[in-house]
Amino acid sequence: MSGVPEFDFVKTAACRDAQVGNCPEVALNVPGVVALRDSERPETIVTMTAEQWSGLTAAVKAGEYDLSA
């Protein structure tokens, strides 16, 4: 793919277990860019700035996206 940086995706420790199915993967190796993908659909990559990532993680931690609510 031309023009697309080579992301180095990693999974959380819990997702490294072979018995766990799909997991979110995050790449932080490209300066200023955070890339996300689903391990079952690795061809689809969502990117955001580090500032947007900080906002997203803060909202998740605050329960803004709590599906049980």
PDB file of N, CA and C in Angstrom:
ATOM      1  N   MET A   1       0.835  -1.184   0.000  1.00  0.00           N
ATOM      2  CA  MET A   1       0.000   0.000   0.000  1.00  0.00           C
ATOM      3  C   MET A   1       0.874   1.240   0.000  1.00  0.00           C
ATOM      4  N   SER A   2       0.727   2.037  -0.983  1.00  0.00           N
ATOM      5  CA  SER A   2       1.562   3.221  -1.027  1.00  0.00           C
ATOM      6  C   SER A   2       0.955   4.334  -0.195  1.00  0.00           C
ATOM      7  N   GLY A   3       1.796   5.096   0.474  1.00  0.00           N
ATOM      8  CA  GLY A   3       1.334   6.204   1.285  1.00  0.00           C
ATOM      9  C   GLY A   3       0.840   5.825   2.668  1.00  0.00           C
ATOM     10  N   VAL A   4       0.758   4.551   2.974  1.00  0.00           N
ATOM     11  CA  VAL A   4       0.290   4.113   4.290  1.00  0.00           C
ATOM     12  C   VAL A   4       1.510   3.711   5.120  1.00  0.00           C
ATOM     13  N   PRO A   5       1.664   4.312   6.304  1.00  0.00           N
ATOM     14  CA  PRO A   5       2.823   3.943   7.123  1.00  0.00           C
ATOM     15  C   PRO A   5       2.750   2.484   7.560  1.00  0.00           C
ATOM     16  N   GLU A   6       3.870   1.918   7.878  1.00  0.00           N
ATOM     17  CA  GLU A   6       3.899   0.545   8.384  1.00  0.00           C
ATOM     18  C   GLU A   6       3.710   0.582   9.885  1.00  0.00           C
ATOM     19  N   PHE A   7       2.536   0.156  10.311  1.00  0.00           N
ATOM     20  CA  PHE A   7       2.219   0.155  11.726  1.00  0.00           C
ATOM     21  C   PHE A   7       2.678  -1.146  12.369  1.00  0.00           C
ATOM     22  N   ASP A   8       3.138  -1.034  13.603  1.00  0.00           N
ATOM     23  CA  ASP A   8       3.556  -2.187  14.397  1.00  0.00           C
ATOM     24  C   ASP A   8       2.480  -2.421  15.455  1.00  0.00           C
ATOM     25  N   PHE A   9       1.474  -3.227  15.113  1.00  0.00           N
ATOM     26  CA  PHE A   9       0.333  -3.449  15.993  1.00  0.00           C
ATOM     27  C   PHE A   9       0.672  -4.414  17.123  1.00  0.00           C
ATOM     28  N   VAL A  10       0.120  -4.123  18.303  1.00  0.00           N
ATOM     29  CA  VAL A  10       0.259  -4.998  19.464  1.00  0.00           C
ATOM     30  C   VAL A  10      -1.112  -5.225  20.090  1.00  0.00           C
ATOM     31  N   LYS A  11      -1.226  -6.344  20.792  1.00  0.00           N
ATOM     32  CA  LYS A  11      -2.456  -6.684  21.513  1.00  0.00           C
ATOM     33  C   LYS A  11      -2.200  -6.510  23.001  1.00  0.00           C
ATOM     34  N   THR A  12      -3.266  -6.377  23.766  1.00  0.00           N
ATOM     35  CA  THR A  12      -3.104  -6.341  25.220  1.00  0.00           C
ATOM     36  C   THR A  12      -2.647  -7.717  25.689  1.00  0.00           C
ATOM     37  N   ALA A  13      -2.128  -7.787  26.881  1.00  0.00           N
ATOM     38  CA  ALA A  13      -1.638  -9.059  27.415  1.00  0.00           C
ATOM     39  C   ALA A  13      -2.742 -10.117  27.433  1.00  0.00           C
ATOM     40  N   ALA A  14      -3.967  -9.740  27.786  1.00  0.00           N
ATOM     41  CA  ALA A  14      -5.079 -10.697  27.844  1.00  0.00           C
ATOM     42  C   ALA A  14      -5.374 -11.295  26.468  1.00  0.00           C
ATOM     43  N   CYS A  15      -5.137 -10.540  25.432  1.00  0.00           N
ATOM     44  CA  CYS A  15      -5.433 -11.002  24.072  1.00  0.00           C
ATOM     45  C   CYS A  15      -4.311 -11.840  23.462  1.00  0.00           C
ATOM     46  N   ARG A  16      -3.210 -11.952  24.140  1.00  0.00           N
ATOM     47  CA  ARG A  16      -2.109 -12.755  23.599  1.00  0.00           C
ATOM     48  C   ARG A  16      -2.325 -14.243  23.839  1.00  0.00           C
ATOM     49  N   ASP A  17      -3.342 -14.588  24.617  1.00  0.00           N
ATOM     50  CA  ASP A  17      -3.709 -15.975  24.882  1.00  0.00           C
ATOM     51  C   ASP A  17      -4.325 -16.560  23.612  1.00  0.00           C
ATOM     52  N   ALA A  18      -3.856 -17.695  23.167  1.00  0.00           N
ATOM     53  CA  ALA A  18      -4.335 -18.319  21.935  1.00  0.00           C
ATOM     54  C   ALA A  18      -5.817 -18.670  21.990  1.00  0.00           C
ATOM     55  N   GLN A  19      -6.387 -18.794  23.186  1.00  0.00           N
ATOM     56  CA  GLN A  19      -7.803 -19.137  23.323  1.00  0.00           C
ATOM     57  C   GLN A  19      -8.723 -17.927  23.144  1.00  0.00           C
ATOM     58  N   VAL A  20      -8.157 -16.741  23.154  1.00  0.00           N
ATOM     59  CA  VAL A  20      -8.952 -15.528  22.970  1.00  0.00           C
ATOM     60  C   VAL A  20      -9.105 -15.293  21.478  1.00  0.00           C
ATOM     61  N   GLY A  21     -10.329 -14.967  21.069  1.00  0.00           N
ATOM     62  CA  GLY A  21     -10.597 -14.735  19.646  1.00  0.00           C
ATOM     63  C   GLY A  21     -10.082 -13.390  19.184  1.00  0.00           C
ATOM     64  N   ASN A  22     -10.978 -12.628  18.608  1.00  0.00           N
ATOM     65  CA  ASN A  22     -10.546 -11.341  18.086  1.00  0.00           C
ATOM     66  C   ASN A  22     -10.274 -10.354  19.210  1.00  0.00           C
ATOM     67  N   CYS A  23      -9.356  -9.453  18.949  1.00  0.00           N
ATOM     68  CA  CYS A  23      -8.964  -8.451  19.932  1.00  0.00           C
ATOM     69  C   CYS A  23      -8.640  -7.145  19.229  1.00  0.00           C
ATOM     70  N   PRO A  24      -8.829  -6.033  19.942  1.00  0.00           N
ATOM     71  CA  PRO A  24      -8.355  -4.779  19.377  1.00  0.00           C
ATOM     72  C   PRO A  24      -6.834  -4.751  19.417  1.00  0.00           C
ATOM     73  N   GLU A  25      -6.264  -4.148  18.417  1.00  0.00           N
ATOM     74  CA  GLU A  25      -4.810  -3.991  18.342  1.00  0.00           C
ATOM     75  C   GLU A  25      -4.501  -2.512  18.163  1.00  0.00           C
ATOM     76  N   VAL A  26      -3.414  -2.065  18.773  1.00  0.00           N
ATOM     77  CA  VAL A  26      -3.027  -0.658  18.737  1.00  0.00           C
ATOM     78  C   VAL A  26      -1.584  -0.547  18.264  1.00  0.00           C
ATOM     79  N   ALA A  27      -1.336   0.460  17.438  1.00  0.00           N
ATOM     80  CA  ALA A  27       0.034   0.755  16.992  1.00  0.00           C
ATOM     81  C   ALA A  27       0.373   2.186  17.388  1.00  0.00           C
ATOM     82  N   LEU A  28       1.522   2.347  18.029  1.00  0.00           N
ATOM     83  CA  LEU A  28       1.976   3.663  18.481  1.00  0.00           C
ATOM     84  C   LEU A  28       3.335   4.029  17.892  1.00  0.00           C
ATOM     85  N   ASN A  29       3.787   3.251  16.905  1.00  0.00           N
ATOM     86  CA  ASN A  29       5.154   3.427  16.405  1.00  0.00           C
ATOM     87  C   ASN A  29       5.321   4.541  15.379  1.00  0.00           C
ATOM     88  N   VAL A  30       4.245   5.130  14.879  1.00  0.00           N
ATOM     89  CA  VAL A  30       4.351   6.231  13.923  1.00  0.00           C
ATOM     90  C   VAL A  30       4.120   7.536  14.699  1.00  0.00           C
ATOM     91  N   PRO A  31       5.107   8.415  14.750  1.00  0.00           N
ATOM     92  CA  PRO A  31       4.992   9.636  15.550  1.00  0.00           C
ATOM     93  C   PRO A  31       3.728  10.442  15.219  1.00  0.00           C
ATOM     94  N   GLY A  32       2.991  10.809  16.279  1.00  0.00           N
ATOM     95  CA  GLY A  32       1.805  11.631  16.126  1.00  0.00           C
ATOM     96  C   GLY A  32       0.549  10.890  15.695  1.00  0.00           C
ATOM     97  N   VAL A  33       0.651   9.569  15.476  1.00  0.00           N
ATOM     98  CA  VAL A  33      -0.490   8.794  14.989  1.00  0.00           C
ATOM     99  C   VAL A  33      -0.713   7.581  15.892  1.00  0.00           C
ATOM    100  N   VAL A  34      -1.976   7.337  16.230  1.00  0.00           N
ATOM    101  CA  VAL A  34      -2.370   6.112  16.913  1.00  0.00           C
ATOM    102  C   VAL A  34      -3.252   5.362  15.925  1.00  0.00           C
ATOM    103  N   ALA A  35      -2.933   4.108  15.682  1.00  0.00           N
ATOM    104  CA  ALA A  35      -3.698   3.297  14.740  1.00  0.00           C
ATOM    105  C   ALA A  35      -4.367   2.151  15.490  1.00  0.00           C
ATOM    106  N   LEU A  36      -5.608   1.877  15.127  1.00  0.00           N
ATOM    107  CA  LEU A  36      -6.383   0.804  15.745  1.00  0.00           C
ATOM    108  C   LEU A  36      -6.880  -0.141  14.661  1.00  0.00           C
ATOM    109  N   ARG A  37      -7.005  -1.412  15.027  1.00  0.00           N
ATOM    110  CA  ARG A  37      -7.639  -2.373  14.137  1.00  0.00           C
ATOM    111  C   ARG A  37      -8.168  -3.542  14.955  1.00  0.00           C
ATOM    112  N   ASP A  38      -9.041  -4.312  14.348  1.00  0.00           N
ATOM    113  CA  ASP A  38      -9.604  -5.523  14.934  1.00  0.00           C
ATOM    114  C   ASP A  38      -8.794  -6.688  14.364  1.00  0.00           C
ATOM    115  N   SER A  39      -8.342  -7.591  15.218  1.00  0.00           N
ATOM    116  CA  SER A  39      -7.499  -8.693  14.732  1.00  0.00           C
ATOM    117  C   SER A  39      -8.215  -9.584  13.723  1.00  0.00           C
ATOM    118  N   GLU A  40      -9.555  -9.591  13.729  1.00  0.00           N
ATOM    119  CA  GLU A  40     -10.295 -10.386  12.748  1.00  0.00           C
ATOM    120  C   GLU A  40     -10.458  -9.653  11.416  1.00  0.00           C
ATOM    121  N   ARG A  41     -10.226  -8.346  11.397  1.00  0.00           N
ATOM    122  CA  ARG A  41     -10.306  -7.550  10.178  1.00  0.00           C
ATOM    123  C   ARG A  41      -9.088  -6.630  10.085  1.00  0.00           C
ATOM    124  N   PRO A  42      -7.902  -7.193   9.972  1.00  0.00           N
ATOM    125  CA  PRO A  42      -6.687  -6.380  10.023  1.00  0.00           C
ATOM    126  C   PRO A  42      -6.519  -5.412   8.852  1.00  0.00           C
ATOM    127  N   GLU A  43      -7.287  -5.601   7.792  1.00  0.00           N
ATOM    128  CA  GLU A  43      -7.172  -4.700   6.648  1.00  0.00           C
ATOM    129  C   GLU A  43      -7.839  -3.351   6.895  1.00  0.00           C
ATOM    130  N   THR A  44      -8.701  -3.274   7.912  1.00  0.00           N
ATOM    131  CA  THR A  44      -9.384  -2.023   8.242  1.00  0.00           C
ATOM    132  C   THR A  44      -8.662  -1.354   9.401  1.00  0.00           C
ATOM    133  N   ILE A  45      -8.055  -0.222   9.123  1.00  0.00           N
ATOM    134  CA  ILE A  45      -7.260   0.496  10.119  1.00  0.00           C
ATOM    135  C   ILE A  45      -7.881   1.870  10.337  1.00  0.00           C
ATOM    136  N   VAL A  46      -8.085   2.226  11.593  1.00  0.00           N
ATOM    137  CA  VAL A  46      -8.580   3.546  11.976  1.00  0.00           C
ATOM    138  C   VAL A  46      -7.409   4.289  12.615  1.00  0.00           C
ATOM    139  N   THR A  47      -7.188   5.513  12.178  1.00  0.00           N
ATOM    140  CA  THR A  47      -6.099   6.305  12.756  1.00  0.00           C
ATOM    141  C   THR A  47      -6.661   7.555  13.426  1.00  0.00           C
ATOM    142  N   MET A  48      -5.913   8.053  14.384  1.00  0.00           N
ATOM    143  CA  MET A  48      -6.263   9.293  15.069  1.00  0.00           C
ATOM    144  C   MET A  48      -4.984   9.922  15.603  1.00  0.00           C
ATOM    145  N   THR A  49      -5.114  11.164  16.018  1.00  0.00           N
ATOM    146  CA  THR A  49      -3.963  11.846  16.610  1.00  0.00           C
ATOM    147  C   THR A  49      -3.788  11.362  18.051  1.00  0.00           C
ATOM    148  N   ALA A  50      -2.644  11.644  18.604  1.00  0.00           N
ATOM    149  CA  ALA A  50      -2.396  11.295  20.009  1.00  0.00           C
ATOM    150  C   ALA A  50      -3.378  12.034  20.923  1.00  0.00           C
ATOM    151  N   GLU A  51      -3.728  13.261  20.578  1.00  0.00           N
ATOM    152  CA  GLU A  51      -4.693  14.034  21.363  1.00  0.00           C
ATOM    153  C   GLU A  51      -6.081  13.379  21.312  1.00  0.00           C
ATOM    154  N   GLN A  52      -6.499  12.929  20.140  1.00  0.00           N
ATOM    155  CA  GLN A  52      -7.783  12.245  20.019  1.00  0.00           C
ATOM    156  C   GLN A  52      -7.776  10.933  20.809  1.00  0.00           C
ATOM    157  N   TRP A  53      -6.661  10.224  20.777  1.00  0.00           N
ATOM    158  CA  TRP A  53      -6.531   8.972  21.538  1.00  0.00           C
ATOM    159  C   TRP A  53      -6.669   9.245  23.033  1.00  0.00           C
ATOM    160  N   SER A  54      -6.030  10.305  23.506  1.00  0.00           N
ATOM    161  CA  SER A  54      -6.125  10.665  24.920  1.00  0.00           C
ATOM    162  C   SER A  54      -7.566  10.975  25.307  1.00  0.00           C
ATOM    163  N   GLY A  55      -8.281  11.683  24.442  1.00  0.00           N
ATOM    164  CA  GLY A  55      -9.685  11.985  24.696  1.00  0.00           C
ATOM    165  C   GLY A  55     -10.542  10.735  24.721  1.00  0.00           C
ATOM    166  N   LEU A  56     -10.287   9.818  23.788  1.00  0.00           N
ATOM    167  CA  LEU A  56     -11.044   8.569  23.734  1.00  0.00           C
ATOM    168  C   LEU A  56     -10.796   7.724  24.980  1.00  0.00           C
ATOM    169  N   THR A  57      -9.537   7.547  25.345  1.00  0.00           N
ATOM    170  CA  THR A  57      -9.241   6.705  26.512  1.00  0.00           C
ATOM    171  C   THR A  57      -9.783   7.330  27.798  1.00  0.00           C
ATOM    172  N   ALA A  58      -9.758   8.662  27.901  1.00  0.00           N
ATOM    173  CA  ALA A  58     -10.324   9.328  29.079  1.00  0.00           C
ATOM    174  C   ALA A  58     -11.833   9.083  29.145  1.00  0.00           C
ATOM    175  N   ALA A  59     -12.512   9.155  28.008  1.00  0.00           N
ATOM    176  CA  ALA A  59     -13.959   8.924  27.975  1.00  0.00           C
ATOM    177  C   ALA A  59     -14.288   7.480  28.342  1.00  0.00           C
ATOM    178  N   VAL A  60     -13.488   6.537  27.869  1.00  0.00           N
ATOM    179  CA  VAL A  60     -13.709   5.125  28.210  1.00  0.00           C
ATOM    180  C   VAL A  60     -13.519   4.921  29.701  1.00  0.00           C
ATOM    181  N   LYS A  61     -12.445   5.458  30.246  1.00  0.00           N
ATOM    182  CA  LYS A  61     -12.177   5.322  31.678  1.00  0.00           C
ATOM    183  C   LYS A  61     -13.263   5.963  32.529  1.00  0.00           C
ATOM    184  N   ALA A  62     -13.876   7.026  32.021  1.00  0.00           N
ATOM    185  CA  ALA A  62     -14.934   7.731  32.760  1.00  0.00           C
ATOM    186  C   ALA A  62     -16.290   7.038  32.635  1.00  0.00           C
ATOM    187  N   GLY A  63     -16.342   5.970  31.833  1.00  0.00           N
ATOM    188  CA  GLY A  63     -17.588   5.220  31.692  1.00  0.00           C
ATOM    189  C   GLY A  63     -18.524   5.743  30.627  1.00  0.00           C
ATOM    190  N   GLU A  64     -18.055   6.682  29.815  1.00  0.00           N
ATOM    191  CA  GLU A  64     -18.906   7.279  28.780  1.00  0.00           C
ATOM    192  C   GLU A  64     -19.413   6.236  27.776  1.00  0.00           C
ATOM    193  N   TYR A  65     -18.658   5.205  27.560  1.00  0.00           N
ATOM    194  CA  TYR A  65     -19.044   4.165  26.604  1.00  0.00           C
ATOM    195  C   TYR A  65     -19.400   2.851  27.289  1.00  0.00           C
ATOM    196  N   ASP A  66     -19.918   2.941  28.494  1.00  0.00           N
ATOM    197  CA  ASP A  66     -20.290   1.756  29.251  1.00  0.00           C
ATOM    198  C   ASP A  66     -21.540   1.136  28.632  1.00  0.00           C
ATOM    199  N   LEU A  67     -21.410  -0.030  28.038  1.00  0.00           N
ATOM    200  CA  LEU A  67     -22.522  -0.684  27.362  1.00  0.00           C
ATOM    201  C   LEU A  67     -23.541  -1.277  28.336  1.00  0.00           C
ATOM    202  N   SER A  68     -23.172  -1.410  29.604  1.00  0.00           N
ATOM    203  CA  SER A  68     -24.097  -1.989  30.569  1.00  0.00           C
ATOM    204  C   SER A  68     -25.025  -0.937  31.172  1.00  0.00           C
ATOM    205  N   ALA A  69     -24.777   0.320  30.874  1.00  0.00           N
ATOM    206  CA  ALA A  69     -25.599   1.397  31.454  1.00  0.00           C
ATOM    207  C   ALA A  69     -26.945   1.497  30.767  1.00  0.00           C
TER     208      ALA A  69
END
